[in-house]
Amino acid sequence: NAPWYRTDGPDDLKGAVLAVYREIDDAVGKIIE
């Protein structure tokens, strides 16, 4: 829904936000542990 949404965007870049959040999620889990 973003105004400049890249319909032709590569899959790795379309998943960039989630990729960064997954890394943070893993880091937070290990820190809490």
Full PDB file with SEQRES, HELIX, SHEET, SSBOND, CRYST1, ORIGX, SCALE, CONECT and MASTER records, all heavy atoms in Angstrom:
SEQRES   1 A   33  ASN ALA PRO TRP TYR ARG THR ASP GLY PRO ASP ASP LEU          
SEQRES   2 A   33  LYS GLY ALA VAL LEU ALA VAL TYR ARG GLU ILE ASP ASP          
SEQRES   3 A   33  ALA VAL GLY LYS ILE ILE GLU                                  
HELIX    1 AA1 ASP A   11  LYS A   14  1                                   4    
HELIX    2 AA2 ALA A   16  ILE A   32  1                                  17    
CRYST1    1.000    1.000    1.000  90.00  90.00  90.00 P 1           1          
ORIGX1      1.000000  0.000000  0.000000        0.00000                         
ORIGX2      0.000000  1.000000  0.000000        0.00000                         
ORIGX3      0.000000  0.000000  1.000000        0.00000                         
SCALE1      1.000000  0.000000  0.000000        0.00000                         
SCALE2      0.000000  1.000000  0.000000        0.00000                         
SCALE3      0.000000  0.000000  1.000000        0.00000                         
ATOM      1  N   ASN A   1       0.810  -1.220   0.000  1.00  0.00           N  
ATOM      2  CA  ASN A   1       0.000   0.000   0.000  1.00  0.00           C  
ATOM      3  C   ASN A   1       0.845   1.272   0.000  1.00  0.00           C  
ATOM      4  O   ASN A   1       0.292   2.375   0.003  1.00  0.00           O  
ATOM      5  CB  ASN A   1      -0.926   0.008   1.221  1.00  0.00           C  
ATOM      6  CG  ASN A   1      -1.930  -1.125   1.184  1.00  0.00           C  
ATOM      7  OD1 ASN A   1      -2.530  -1.404   0.150  1.00  0.00           O  
ATOM      8  ND2 ASN A   1      -2.110  -1.797   2.313  1.00  0.00           N  
ATOM      9  N   ALA A   2       2.159   1.127   0.038  1.00  0.00           N  
ATOM     10  CA  ALA A   2       3.032   2.297   0.042  1.00  0.00           C  
ATOM     11  C   ALA A   2       2.992   2.988  -1.320  1.00  0.00           C  
ATOM     12  O   ALA A   2       2.888   2.323  -2.363  1.00  0.00           O  
ATOM     13  CB  ALA A   2       4.464   1.879   0.377  1.00  0.00           C  
ATOM     14  N   PRO A   3       3.074   4.309  -1.343  1.00  0.00           N  
ATOM     15  CA  PRO A   3       2.956   5.048  -2.617  1.00  0.00           C  
ATOM     16  C   PRO A   3       3.972   4.628  -3.662  1.00  0.00           C  
ATOM     17  O   PRO A   3       3.662   4.612  -4.851  1.00  0.00           O  
ATOM     18  CB  PRO A   3       3.167   6.505  -2.191  1.00  0.00           C  
ATOM     19  CG  PRO A   3       2.766   6.555  -0.759  1.00  0.00           C  
ATOM     20  CD  PRO A   3       3.162   5.234  -0.192  1.00  0.00           C  
ATOM     21  N   TRP A   4       5.203   4.307  -3.256  1.00  0.00           N  
ATOM     22  CA  TRP A   4       6.246   3.939  -4.214  1.00  0.00           C  
ATOM     23  C   TRP A   4       6.485   2.430  -4.249  1.00  0.00           C  
ATOM     24  O   TRP A   4       7.590   1.985  -4.544  1.00  0.00           O  
ATOM     25  CB  TRP A   4       7.563   4.639  -3.858  1.00  0.00           C  
ATOM     26  CG  TRP A   4       7.533   6.113  -4.030  1.00  0.00           C  
ATOM     27  CD1 TRP A   4       7.392   6.806  -5.187  1.00  0.00           C  
ATOM     28  CD2 TRP A   4       7.670   7.086  -3.003  1.00  0.00           C  
ATOM     29  NE1 TRP A   4       7.431   8.155  -4.952  1.00  0.00           N  
ATOM     30  CE2 TRP A   4       7.605   8.360  -3.607  1.00  0.00           C  
ATOM     31  CE3 TRP A   4       7.848   7.017  -1.615  1.00  0.00           C  
ATOM     32  CZ2 TRP A   4       7.697   9.546  -2.890  1.00  0.00           C  
ATOM     33  CZ3 TRP A   4       7.934   8.199  -0.897  1.00  0.00           C  
ATOM     34  CH2 TRP A   4       7.856   9.435  -1.532  1.00  0.00           C  
ATOM     35  N   TYR A   5       5.492   1.644  -3.932  1.00  0.00           N  
ATOM     36  CA  TYR A   5       5.705   0.203  -3.828  1.00  0.00           C  
ATOM     37  C   TYR A   5       6.311  -0.353  -5.116  1.00  0.00           C  
ATOM     38  O   TYR A   5       5.834  -0.073  -6.217  1.00  0.00           O  
ATOM     39  CB  TYR A   5       4.388  -0.506  -3.544  1.00  0.00           C  
ATOM     40  CG  TYR A   5       4.533  -2.008  -3.429  1.00  0.00           C  
ATOM     41  CD1 TYR A   5       5.292  -2.573  -2.420  1.00  0.00           C  
ATOM     42  CD2 TYR A   5       3.913  -2.853  -4.355  1.00  0.00           C  
ATOM     43  CE1 TYR A   5       5.442  -3.943  -2.313  1.00  0.00           C  
ATOM     44  CE2 TYR A   5       4.040  -4.226  -4.247  1.00  0.00           C  
ATOM     45  CZ  TYR A   5       4.805  -4.768  -3.231  1.00  0.00           C  
ATOM     46  OH  TYR A   5       4.953  -6.128  -3.126  1.00  0.00           O  
ATOM     47  N   ARG A   6       7.384  -1.130  -4.947  1.00  0.00           N  
ATOM     48  CA  ARG A   6       8.092  -1.719  -6.084  1.00  0.00           C  
ATOM     49  C   ARG A   6       7.476  -3.070  -6.428  1.00  0.00           C  
ATOM     50  O   ARG A   6       7.831  -4.109  -5.862  1.00  0.00           O  
ATOM     51  CB  ARG A   6       9.570  -1.888  -5.745  1.00  0.00           C  
ATOM     52  CG  ARG A   6      10.404  -0.616  -5.803  1.00  0.00           C  
ATOM     53  CD  ARG A   6      10.875  -0.304  -7.215  1.00  0.00           C  
ATOM     54  NE  ARG A   6      11.578  -1.412  -7.803  1.00  0.00           N  
ATOM     55  CZ  ARG A   6      12.886  -1.663  -7.662  1.00  0.00           C  
ATOM     56  NH1 ARG A   6      13.616  -0.842  -6.928  1.00  0.00           N  
ATOM     57  NH2 ARG A   6      13.455  -2.695  -8.244  1.00  0.00           N  
ATOM     58  N   THR A   7       6.543  -3.083  -7.352  1.00  0.00           N  
ATOM     59  CA  THR A   7       5.952  -4.359  -7.763  1.00  0.00           C  
ATOM     60  C   THR A   7       6.997  -5.263  -8.407  1.00  0.00           C  
ATOM     61  O   THR A   7       6.880  -6.490  -8.377  1.00  0.00           O  
ATOM     62  CB  THR A   7       4.804  -4.120  -8.762  1.00  0.00           C  
ATOM     63  OG1 THR A   7       5.298  -3.358  -9.877  1.00  0.00           O  
ATOM     64  CG2 THR A   7       3.674  -3.361  -8.086  1.00  0.00           C  
ATOM     65  N   ASP A   8       8.041  -4.633  -8.992  1.00  0.00           N  
ATOM     66  CA  ASP A   8       9.095  -5.399  -9.640  1.00  0.00           C  
ATOM     67  C   ASP A   8      10.284  -5.633  -8.705  1.00  0.00           C  
ATOM     68  O   ASP A   8      11.350  -6.068  -9.143  1.00  0.00           O  
ATOM     69  CB  ASP A   8       9.592  -4.670 -10.888  1.00  0.00           C  
ATOM     70  CG  ASP A   8      10.234  -3.315 -10.556  1.00  0.00           C  
ATOM     71  OD1 ASP A   8       9.914  -2.753  -9.474  1.00  0.00           O  
ATOM     72  OD2 ASP A   8      11.043  -2.824 -11.353  1.00  0.00           O  
ATOM     73  N   GLY A   9      10.101  -5.344  -7.418  1.00  0.00           N  
ATOM     74  CA  GLY A   9      11.205  -5.467  -6.482  1.00  0.00           C  
ATOM     75  C   GLY A   9      11.704  -6.888  -6.340  1.00  0.00           C  
ATOM     76  O   GLY A   9      10.909  -7.837  -6.310  1.00  0.00           O  
ATOM     77  N   PRO A  10      13.026  -7.090  -6.249  1.00  0.00           N  
ATOM     78  CA  PRO A  10      13.576  -8.432  -6.028  1.00  0.00           C  
ATOM     79  C   PRO A  10      13.087  -8.998  -4.701  1.00  0.00           C  
ATOM     80  O   PRO A  10      12.822  -8.273  -3.746  1.00  0.00           O  
ATOM     81  CB  PRO A  10      15.088  -8.199  -6.012  1.00  0.00           C  
ATOM     82  CG  PRO A  10      15.297  -6.872  -6.665  1.00  0.00           C  
ATOM     83  CD  PRO A  10      14.080  -6.069  -6.360  1.00  0.00           C  
ATOM     84  N   ASP A  11      12.982 -10.324  -4.623  1.00  0.00           N  
ATOM     85  CA  ASP A  11      12.445 -10.965  -3.425  1.00  0.00           C  
ATOM     86  C   ASP A  11      13.265 -10.646  -2.180  1.00  0.00           C  
ATOM     87  O   ASP A  11      12.704 -10.472  -1.099  1.00  0.00           O  
ATOM     88  CB  ASP A  11      12.384 -12.481  -3.634  1.00  0.00           C  
ATOM     89  CG  ASP A  11      11.297 -12.887  -4.630  1.00  0.00           C  
ATOM     90  OD1 ASP A  11      10.391 -12.054  -4.875  1.00  0.00           O  
ATOM     91  OD2 ASP A  11      11.365 -14.011  -5.149  1.00  0.00           O  
ATOM     92  N   ASP A  12      14.602 -10.578  -2.323  1.00  0.00           N  
ATOM     93  CA  ASP A  12      15.413 -10.319  -1.133  1.00  0.00           C  
ATOM     94  C   ASP A  12      15.167  -8.922  -0.582  1.00  0.00           C  
ATOM     95  O   ASP A  12      15.176  -8.712   0.638  1.00  0.00           O  
ATOM     96  CB  ASP A  12      16.900 -10.528  -1.420  1.00  0.00           C  
ATOM     97  CG  ASP A  12      17.414  -9.657  -2.554  1.00  0.00           C  
ATOM     98  OD1 ASP A  12      16.610  -9.211  -3.404  1.00  0.00           O  
ATOM     99  OD2 ASP A  12      18.650  -9.419  -2.599  1.00  0.00           O  
ATOM    100  N   LEU A  13      14.897  -7.953  -1.464  1.00  0.00           N  
ATOM    101  CA  LEU A  13      14.629  -6.607  -0.994  1.00  0.00           C  
ATOM    102  C   LEU A  13      13.197  -6.467  -0.487  1.00  0.00           C  
ATOM    103  O   LEU A  13      12.937  -5.706   0.454  1.00  0.00           O  
ATOM    104  CB  LEU A  13      14.909  -5.596  -2.096  1.00  0.00           C  
ATOM    105  CG  LEU A  13      16.367  -5.532  -2.563  1.00  0.00           C  
ATOM    106  CD1 LEU A  13      16.549  -4.453  -3.628  1.00  0.00           C  
ATOM    107  CD2 LEU A  13      17.316  -5.282  -1.399  1.00  0.00           C  
ATOM    108  N   LYS A  14      12.261  -7.204  -1.080  1.00  0.00           N  
ATOM    109  CA  LYS A  14      10.901  -7.201  -0.550  1.00  0.00           C  
ATOM    110  C   LYS A  14      10.857  -7.788   0.862  1.00  0.00           C  
ATOM    111  O   LYS A  14       9.999  -7.430   1.668  1.00  0.00           O  
ATOM    112  CB  LYS A  14       9.966  -7.984  -1.467  1.00  0.00           C  
ATOM    113  CG  LYS A  14       9.584  -7.248  -2.739  1.00  0.00           C  
ATOM    114  CD  LYS A  14       8.531  -8.015  -3.529  1.00  0.00           C  
ATOM    115  CE  LYS A  14       8.059  -7.215  -4.732  1.00  0.00           C  
ATOM    116  NZ  LYS A  14       7.001  -7.907  -5.499  1.00  0.00           N  
ATOM    117  N   GLY A  15      11.795  -8.649   1.159  1.00  0.00           N  
ATOM    118  CA  GLY A  15      11.846  -9.251   2.485  1.00  0.00           C  
ATOM    119  C   GLY A  15      12.844  -8.596   3.414  1.00  0.00           C  
ATOM    120  O   GLY A  15      13.122  -9.126   4.499  1.00  0.00           O  
ATOM    121  N   ALA A  16      13.358  -7.417   3.038  1.00  0.00           N  
ATOM    122  CA  ALA A  16      14.430  -6.791   3.814  1.00  0.00           C  
ATOM    123  C   ALA A  16      13.982  -6.398   5.220  1.00  0.00           C  
ATOM    124  O   ALA A  16      14.699  -6.618   6.205  1.00  0.00           O  
ATOM    125  CB  ALA A  16      14.967  -5.568   3.069  1.00  0.00           C  
ATOM    126  N   VAL A  17      12.811  -5.773   5.340  1.00  0.00           N  
ATOM    127  CA  VAL A  17      12.333  -5.350   6.661  1.00  0.00           C  
ATOM    128  C   VAL A  17      12.197  -6.557   7.578  1.00  0.00           C  
ATOM    129  O   VAL A  17      12.666  -6.550   8.727  1.00  0.00           O  
ATOM    130  CB  VAL A  17      10.996  -4.591   6.542  1.00  0.00           C  
ATOM    131  CG1 VAL A  17      10.401  -4.333   7.929  1.00  0.00           C  
ATOM    132  CG2 VAL A  17      11.193  -3.269   5.805  1.00  0.00           C  
ATOM    133  N   LEU A  18      11.574  -7.617   7.082  1.00  0.00           N  
ATOM    134  CA  LEU A  18      11.398  -8.815   7.909  1.00  0.00           C  
ATOM    135  C   LEU A  18      12.736  -9.469   8.218  1.00  0.00           C  
ATOM    136  O   LEU A  18      12.930 -10.006   9.326  1.00  0.00           O  
ATOM    137  CB  LEU A  18      10.478  -9.805   7.200  1.00  0.00           C  
ATOM    138  CG  LEU A  18       9.001  -9.391   7.112  1.00  0.00           C  
ATOM    139  CD1 LEU A  18       8.202 -10.431   6.341  1.00  0.00           C  
ATOM    140  CD2 LEU A  18       8.404  -9.196   8.499  1.00  0.00           C  
ATOM    141  N   ALA A  19      13.668  -9.426   7.277  1.00  0.00           N  
ATOM    142  CA  ALA A  19      14.981 -10.033   7.515  1.00  0.00           C  
ATOM    143  C   ALA A  19      15.696  -9.341   8.678  1.00  0.00           C  
ATOM    144  O   ALA A  19      16.289  -9.997   9.543  1.00  0.00           O  
ATOM    145  CB  ALA A  19      15.831  -9.964   6.247  1.00  0.00           C  
ATOM    146  N   VAL A  20      15.637  -8.011   8.705  1.00  0.00           N  
ATOM    147  CA  VAL A  20      16.272  -7.271   9.798  1.00  0.00           C  
ATOM    148  C   VAL A  20      15.563  -7.552  11.113  1.00  0.00           C  
ATOM    149  O   VAL A  20      16.200  -7.774  12.155  1.00  0.00           O  
ATOM    150  CB  VAL A  20      16.278  -5.762   9.488  1.00  0.00           C  
ATOM    151  CG1 VAL A  20      16.770  -4.970  10.686  1.00  0.00           C  
ATOM    152  CG2 VAL A  20      17.151  -5.475   8.265  1.00  0.00           C  
ATOM    153  N   TYR A  21      14.244  -7.590  11.085  1.00  0.00           N  
ATOM    154  CA  TYR A  21      13.494  -7.858  12.316  1.00  0.00           C  
ATOM    155  C   TYR A  21      13.738  -9.272  12.828  1.00  0.00           C  
ATOM    156  O   TYR A  21      13.792  -9.501  14.051  1.00  0.00           O  
ATOM    157  CB  TYR A  21      12.004  -7.621  12.086  1.00  0.00           C  
ATOM    158  CG  TYR A  21      11.574  -6.200  12.372  1.00  0.00           C  
ATOM    159  CD1 TYR A  21      11.761  -5.191  11.431  1.00  0.00           C  
ATOM    160  CD2 TYR A  21      11.005  -5.861  13.595  1.00  0.00           C  
ATOM    161  CE1 TYR A  21      11.383  -3.891  11.695  1.00  0.00           C  
ATOM    162  CE2 TYR A  21      10.623  -4.565  13.869  1.00  0.00           C  
ATOM    163  CZ  TYR A  21      10.808  -3.583  12.914  1.00  0.00           C  
ATOM    164  OH  TYR A  21      10.441  -2.286  13.182  1.00  0.00           O  
ATOM    165  N   ARG A  22      13.893 -10.218  11.938  1.00  0.00           N  
ATOM    166  CA  ARG A  22      14.176 -11.590  12.388  1.00  0.00           C  
ATOM    167  C   ARG A  22      15.524 -11.662  13.082  1.00  0.00           C  
ATOM    168  O   ARG A  22      15.690 -12.368  14.075  1.00  0.00           O  
ATOM    169  CB  ARG A  22      14.111 -12.550  11.200  1.00  0.00           C  
ATOM    170  CG  ARG A  22      12.701 -12.796  10.676  1.00  0.00           C  
ATOM    171  CD  ARG A  22      12.666 -13.943   9.673  1.00  0.00           C  
ATOM    172  NE  ARG A  22      11.326 -14.136   9.148  1.00  0.00           N  
ATOM    173  CZ  ARG A  22      10.920 -13.776   7.930  1.00  0.00           C  
ATOM    174  NH1 ARG A  22      11.801 -13.192   7.105  1.00  0.00           N  
ATOM    175  NH2 ARG A  22       9.689 -13.984   7.532  1.00  0.00           N  
ATOM    176  N   GLU A  23      16.508 -10.936  12.552  1.00  0.00           N  
ATOM    177  CA  GLU A  23      17.822 -10.914  13.205  1.00  0.00           C  
ATOM    178  C   GLU A  23      17.720 -10.276  14.593  1.00  0.00           C  
ATOM    179  O   GLU A  23      18.332 -10.755  15.556  1.00  0.00           O  
ATOM    180  CB  GLU A  23      18.823 -10.132  12.345  1.00  0.00           C  
ATOM    181  CG  GLU A  23      19.272 -10.859  11.087  1.00  0.00           C  
ATOM    182  CD  GLU A  23      20.096 -12.101  11.377  1.00  0.00           C  
ATOM    183  OE1 GLU A  23      20.726 -12.183  12.467  1.00  0.00           O  
ATOM    184  OE2 GLU A  23      20.106 -13.003  10.520  1.00  0.00           O  
ATOM    185  N   ILE A  24      16.951  -9.203  14.682  1.00  0.00           N  
ATOM    186  CA  ILE A  24      16.782  -8.554  15.984  1.00  0.00           C  
ATOM    187  C   ILE A  24      16.033  -9.478  16.939  1.00  0.00           C  
ATOM    188  O   ILE A  24      16.375  -9.577  18.130  1.00  0.00           O  
ATOM    189  CB  ILE A  24      16.036  -7.208  15.824  1.00  0.00           C  
ATOM    190  CG1 ILE A  24      16.901  -6.225  15.032  1.00  0.00           C  
ATOM    191  CG2 ILE A  24      15.658  -6.622  17.183  1.00  0.00           C  
ATOM    192  CD1 ILE A  24      16.205  -4.912  14.705  1.00  0.00           C  
ATOM    193  N   ASP A  25      15.017 -10.147  16.430  1.00  0.00           N  
ATOM    194  CA  ASP A  25      14.251 -11.080  17.265  1.00  0.00           C  
ATOM    195  C   ASP A  25      15.159 -12.179  17.829  1.00  0.00           C  
ATOM    196  O   ASP A  25      15.079 -12.523  19.019  1.00  0.00           O  
ATOM    197  CB  ASP A  25      13.121 -11.699  16.439  1.00  0.00           C  
ATOM    198  CG  ASP A  25      12.217 -12.586  17.265  1.00  0.00           C  
ATOM    199  OD1 ASP A  25      11.582 -12.080  18.200  1.00  0.00           O  
ATOM    200  OD2 ASP A  25      12.157 -13.797  16.979  1.00  0.00           O  
ATOM    201  N   ASP A  26      16.033 -12.704  16.990  1.00  0.00           N  
ATOM    202  CA  ASP A  26      16.981 -13.732  17.453  1.00  0.00           C  
ATOM    203  C   ASP A  26      17.915 -13.155  18.511  1.00  0.00           C  
ATOM    204  O   ASP A  26      18.175 -13.795  19.538  1.00  0.00           O  
ATOM    205  CB  ASP A  26      17.787 -14.258  16.263  1.00  0.00           C  
ATOM    206  CG  ASP A  26      18.871 -15.236  16.695  1.00  0.00           C  
ATOM    207  OD1 ASP A  26      18.544 -16.381  17.039  1.00  0.00           O  
ATOM    208  OD2 ASP A  26      20.059 -14.830  16.711  1.00  0.00           O  
ATOM    209  N   ALA A  27      18.398 -11.944  18.269  1.00  0.00           N  
ATOM    210  CA  ALA A  27      19.323 -11.320  19.221  1.00  0.00           C  
ATOM    211  C   ALA A  27      18.638 -11.059  20.552  1.00  0.00           C  
ATOM    212  O   ALA A  27      19.198 -11.337  21.628  1.00  0.00           O  
ATOM    213  CB  ALA A  27      19.864 -10.016  18.636  1.00  0.00           C  
ATOM    214  N   VAL A  28      17.414 -10.530  20.509  1.00  0.00           N  
ATOM    215  CA  VAL A  28      16.688 -10.240  21.745  1.00  0.00           C  
ATOM    216  C   VAL A  28      16.447 -11.523  22.543  1.00  0.00           C  
ATOM    217  O   VAL A  28      16.614 -11.552  23.771  1.00  0.00           O  
ATOM    218  CB  VAL A  28      15.355  -9.534  21.424  1.00  0.00           C  
ATOM    219  CG1 VAL A  28      14.455  -9.476  22.666  1.00  0.00           C  
ATOM    220  CG2 VAL A  28      15.606  -8.123  20.911  1.00  0.00           C  
ATOM    221  N   GLY A  29      16.087 -12.586  21.846  1.00  0.00           N  
ATOM    222  CA  GLY A  29      15.859 -13.854  22.533  1.00  0.00           C  
ATOM    223  C   GLY A  29      17.101 -14.353  23.253  1.00  0.00           C  
ATOM    224  O   GLY A  29      17.031 -14.802  24.412  1.00  0.00           O  
ATOM    225  N   LYS A  30      18.238 -14.257  22.603  1.00  0.00           N  
ATOM    226  CA  LYS A  30      19.479 -14.727  23.220  1.00  0.00           C  
ATOM    227  C   LYS A  30      19.905 -13.828  24.381  1.00  0.00           C  
ATOM    228  O   LYS A  30      20.456 -14.305  25.382  1.00  0.00           O  
ATOM    229  CB  LYS A  30      20.577 -14.830  22.167  1.00  0.00           C  
ATOM    230  CG  LYS A  30      20.387 -16.020  21.214  1.00  0.00           C  
ATOM    231  CD  LYS A  30      21.513 -16.135  20.224  1.00  0.00           C  
ATOM    232  CE  LYS A  30      21.448 -17.465  19.468  1.00  0.00           C  
ATOM    233  NZ  LYS A  30      20.144 -17.672  18.801  1.00  0.00           N  
ATOM    234  N   ILE A  31      19.657 -12.542  24.260  1.00  0.00           N  
ATOM    235  CA  ILE A  31      20.002 -11.617  25.350  1.00  0.00           C  
ATOM    236  C   ILE A  31      19.126 -11.886  26.576  1.00  0.00           C  
ATOM    237  O   ILE A  31      19.613 -11.938  27.717  1.00  0.00           O  
ATOM    238  CB  ILE A  31      19.861 -10.162  24.876  1.00  0.00           C  
ATOM    239  CG1 ILE A  31      20.946  -9.845  23.835  1.00  0.00           C  
ATOM    240  CG2 ILE A  31      19.971  -9.190  26.049  1.00  0.00           C  
ATOM    241  CD1 ILE A  31      20.720  -8.544  23.090  1.00  0.00           C  
ATOM    242  N   ILE A  32      17.819 -12.084  26.354  1.00  0.00           N  
ATOM    243  CA  ILE A  32      16.922 -12.383  27.474  1.00  0.00           C  
ATOM    244  C   ILE A  32      17.307 -13.708  28.131  1.00  0.00           C  
ATOM    245  O   ILE A  32      17.315 -13.835  29.370  1.00  0.00           O  
ATOM    246  CB  ILE A  32      15.462 -12.418  26.985  1.00  0.00           C  
ATOM    247  CG1 ILE A  32      15.026 -11.015  26.554  1.00  0.00           C  
ATOM    248  CG2 ILE A  32      14.536 -12.962  28.067  1.00  0.00           C  
ATOM    249  CD1 ILE A  32      13.643 -10.963  25.944  1.00  0.00           C  
ATOM    250  N   GLU A  33      17.646 -14.686  27.302  1.00  0.00           N  
ATOM    251  CA  GLU A  33      18.081 -15.978  27.848  1.00  0.00           C  
ATOM    252  C   GLU A  33      19.333 -15.820  28.699  1.00  0.00           C  
ATOM    253  O   GLU A  33      19.442 -16.400  29.784  1.00  0.00           O  
ATOM    254  CB  GLU A  33      18.328 -16.956  26.698  1.00  0.00           C  
ATOM    255  CG  GLU A  33      18.754 -18.343  27.154  1.00  0.00           C  
ATOM    256  CD  GLU A  33      19.034 -19.267  25.981  1.00  0.00           C  
ATOM    257  OE1 GLU A  33      18.915 -18.812  24.819  1.00  0.00           O  
ATOM    258  OE2 GLU A  33      19.378 -20.434  26.221  1.00  0.00           O  
TER     259      GLU A  33                                                      
MASTER        0    0    0    2    0    0    0    6  258    1    0    3          
END                                                                             
